[in-house]
């Protein structure tokens, strides 16, 4: 296929809706873990990395929350307790609020 055609839906890249459909179907879990020295880390898991670019999503979340973070084994880790703000940002980004569990 042509590089400007989506492999999944067959539409041109600028009209492709695959990622939007994938956002509606994700079952996301957001929780906070304590690390050593009492540091808190917000964990976001359940996002399918084959349908949504986790690196790009993590970069967006880190810039919005003004924190550090990483992507490890399909899980986004953000430094600090951002549990309520992450859900609001994900809903604004297009994820289904009924499928986000806090």
C-alpha atoms as a PDB file:
ATOM      1  CA  UNK A   1       0.000   0.000   0.000  1.00  0.00           C
ATOM      2  CA  UNK A   2       0.951   3.586  -0.432  1.00  0.00           C
ATOM      3  CA  UNK A   3       2.704   5.182   2.573  1.00  0.00           C
ATOM      4  CA  UNK A   4      -0.039   7.811   2.879  1.00  0.00           C
ATOM      5  CA  UNK A   5      -2.784   5.141   3.157  1.00  0.00           C
ATOM      6  CA  UNK A   6      -3.647   3.523   6.528  1.00  0.00           C
ATOM      7  CA  UNK A   7      -2.919  -0.221   6.586  1.00  0.00           C
ATOM      8  CA  UNK A   8      -5.894  -0.942   8.861  1.00  0.00           C
ATOM      9  CA  UNK A   9      -8.840   1.016   7.465  1.00  0.00           C
ATOM     10  CA  UNK A  10      -7.573   1.816   3.954  1.00  0.00           C
ATOM     11  CA  UNK A  11      -8.314   5.528   4.255  1.00  0.00           C
ATOM     12  CA  UNK A  12      -5.758   8.280   3.653  1.00  0.00           C
ATOM     13  CA  UNK A  13      -3.705   9.086   6.773  1.00  0.00           C
ATOM     14  CA  UNK A  14      -5.348  12.498   7.233  1.00  0.00           C
ATOM     15  CA  UNK A  15      -8.846  10.872   7.250  1.00  0.00           C
ATOM     16  CA  UNK A  16      -7.871   7.771   9.255  1.00  0.00           C
ATOM     17  CA  UNK A  17     -10.076   7.140  12.302  1.00  0.00           C
ATOM     18  CA  UNK A  18      -8.374   3.983  13.601  1.00  0.00           C
ATOM     19  CA  UNK A  19      -6.777   5.716  16.597  1.00  0.00           C
ATOM     20  CA  UNK A  20     -10.054   7.465  17.499  1.00  0.00           C
ATOM     21  CA  UNK A  21     -11.917   4.129  17.462  1.00  0.00           C
ATOM     22  CA  UNK A  22      -9.121   2.521  19.491  1.00  0.00           C
ATOM     23  CA  UNK A  23      -9.384   5.284  22.117  1.00  0.00           C
ATOM     24  CA  UNK A  24     -13.052   4.454  22.702  1.00  0.00           C
ATOM     25  CA  UNK A  25     -12.295   0.747  23.267  1.00  0.00           C
ATOM     26  CA  UNK A  26      -9.397   0.993  25.736  1.00  0.00           C
ATOM     27  CA  UNK A  27      -9.900  -0.308  29.305  1.00  0.00           C
ATOM     28  CA  UNK A  28      -7.603   2.025  31.275  1.00  0.00           C
ATOM     29  CA  UNK A  29      -6.565   1.663  34.927  1.00  0.00           C
ATOM     30  CA  UNK A  30      -4.995   4.624  36.769  1.00  0.00           C
ATOM     31  CA  UNK A  31      -3.434   4.105  40.193  1.00  0.00           C
ATOM     32  CA  UNK A  32      -0.735   5.523  42.468  1.00  0.00           C
ATOM     33  CA  UNK A  33       2.159   3.466  43.829  1.00  0.00           C
ATOM     34  CA  UNK A  34       4.601   4.486  46.538  1.00  0.00           C
ATOM     35  CA  UNK A  35       8.247   4.034  45.772  1.00  0.00           C
ATOM     36  CA  UNK A  36      11.185   4.179  48.120  1.00  0.00           C
ATOM     37  CA  UNK A  37      11.694   7.295  50.206  1.00  0.00           C
ATOM     38  CA  UNK A  38       7.927   7.944  50.041  1.00  0.00           C
ATOM     39  CA  UNK A  39       7.914   9.033  46.402  1.00  0.00           C
ATOM     40  CA  UNK A  40       4.605   8.580  44.590  1.00  0.00           C
ATOM     41  CA  UNK A  41       4.262   7.407  40.983  1.00  0.00           C
ATOM     42  CA  UNK A  42       1.064   7.528  38.903  1.00  0.00           C
ATOM     43  CA  UNK A  43       0.666   4.325  36.875  1.00  0.00           C
ATOM     44  CA  UNK A  44      -1.475   4.243  33.697  1.00  0.00           C
ATOM     45  CA  UNK A  45      -1.993   0.796  32.208  1.00  0.00           C
ATOM     46  CA  UNK A  46      -4.403  -0.946  29.893  1.00  0.00           C
ATOM     47  CA  UNK A  47      -3.656   1.139  26.808  1.00  0.00           C
ATOM     48  CA  UNK A  48      -2.898  -1.068  23.809  1.00  0.00           C
ATOM     49  CA  UNK A  49       0.492   0.007  22.488  1.00  0.00           C
ATOM     50  CA  UNK A  50      -0.156  -1.453  19.023  1.00  0.00           C
ATOM     51  CA  UNK A  51      -3.124   0.893  18.489  1.00  0.00           C
ATOM     52  CA  UNK A  52      -1.977   4.039  20.320  1.00  0.00           C
ATOM     53  CA  UNK A  53       1.520   5.507  20.434  1.00  0.00           C
ATOM     54  CA  UNK A  54       2.412   5.332  24.138  1.00  0.00           C
ATOM     55  CA  UNK A  55       5.583   7.405  23.777  1.00  0.00           C
ATOM     56  CA  UNK A  56       3.639  10.259  22.209  1.00  0.00           C
ATOM     57  CA  UNK A  57       0.849  10.018  24.822  1.00  0.00           C
ATOM     58  CA  UNK A  58       3.379   9.968  27.678  1.00  0.00           C
ATOM     59  CA  UNK A  59       5.147  13.015  26.256  1.00  0.00           C
ATOM     60  CA  UNK A  60       1.806  14.847  26.033  1.00  0.00           C
ATOM     61  CA  UNK A  61       0.879  13.936  29.627  1.00  0.00           C
ATOM     62  CA  UNK A  62       4.296  14.939  30.966  1.00  0.00           C
ATOM     63  CA  UNK A  63       4.060  18.350  29.301  1.00  0.00           C
ATOM     64  CA  UNK A  64       0.505  18.948  30.563  1.00  0.00           C
ATOM     65  CA  UNK A  65       1.308  17.841  34.130  1.00  0.00           C
ATOM     66  CA  UNK A  66       4.801  19.382  34.280  1.00  0.00           C
ATOM     67  CA  UNK A  67       6.364  16.176  35.576  1.00  0.00           C
ATOM     68  CA  UNK A  68       8.812  13.490  34.551  1.00  0.00           C
ATOM     69  CA  UNK A  69       7.909   9.999  33.515  1.00  0.00           C
ATOM     70  CA  UNK A  70       8.575   7.020  31.287  1.00  0.00           C
ATOM     71  CA  UNK A  71       7.011   4.158  29.352  1.00  0.00           C
ATOM     72  CA  UNK A  72       7.965   0.655  30.524  1.00  0.00           C
ATOM     73  CA  UNK A  73       6.430  -2.591  29.241  1.00  0.00           C
ATOM     74  CA  UNK A  74       3.286  -0.898  27.931  1.00  0.00           C
ATOM     75  CA  UNK A  75       2.745   1.063  31.166  1.00  0.00           C
ATOM     76  CA  UNK A  76       3.061   4.840  31.487  1.00  0.00           C
ATOM     77  CA  UNK A  77       4.676   5.985  34.747  1.00  0.00           C
ATOM     78  CA  UNK A  78       4.445   9.634  35.802  1.00  0.00           C
ATOM     79  CA  UNK A  79       6.320  11.103  38.747  1.00  0.00           C
ATOM     80  CA  UNK A  80       3.978  12.350  41.470  1.00  0.00           C
ATOM     81  CA  UNK A  81       0.325  11.844  42.352  1.00  0.00           C
ATOM     82  CA  UNK A  82      -1.694  13.058  39.330  1.00  0.00           C
ATOM     83  CA  UNK A  83      -4.539  10.548  39.543  1.00  0.00           C
ATOM     84  CA  UNK A  84      -7.435  13.013  39.129  1.00  0.00           C
ATOM     85  CA  UNK A  85      -5.800  15.265  36.573  1.00  0.00           C
ATOM     86  CA  UNK A  86      -4.752  12.341  34.345  1.00  0.00           C
ATOM     87  CA  UNK A  87      -8.345  11.130  33.975  1.00  0.00           C
ATOM     88  CA  UNK A  88      -9.539  14.611  32.960  1.00  0.00           C
ATOM     89  CA  UNK A  89      -6.743  14.969  30.413  1.00  0.00           C
ATOM     90  CA  UNK A  90      -7.403  11.513  28.914  1.00  0.00           C
ATOM     91  CA  UNK A  91     -11.122  12.309  28.572  1.00  0.00           C
ATOM     92  CA  UNK A  92     -10.297  15.587  26.797  1.00  0.00           C
ATOM     93  CA  UNK A  93      -7.897  13.650  24.549  1.00  0.00           C
ATOM     94  CA  UNK A  94     -10.800  11.434  23.381  1.00  0.00           C
ATOM     95  CA  UNK A  95     -10.740   8.393  25.659  1.00  0.00           C
ATOM     96  CA  UNK A  96     -14.065   7.001  26.934  1.00  0.00           C
ATOM     97  CA  UNK A  97     -14.611   8.180  30.559  1.00  0.00           C
ATOM     98  CA  UNK A  98     -16.706   5.097  31.364  1.00  0.00           C
ATOM     99  CA  UNK A  99     -13.750   2.825  30.577  1.00  0.00           C
ATOM    100  CA  UNK A 100     -11.252   4.671  32.790  1.00  0.00           C
ATOM    101  CA  UNK A 101     -11.018   3.152  36.253  1.00  0.00           C
ATOM    102  CA  UNK A 102      -9.307   5.095  39.032  1.00  0.00           C
END
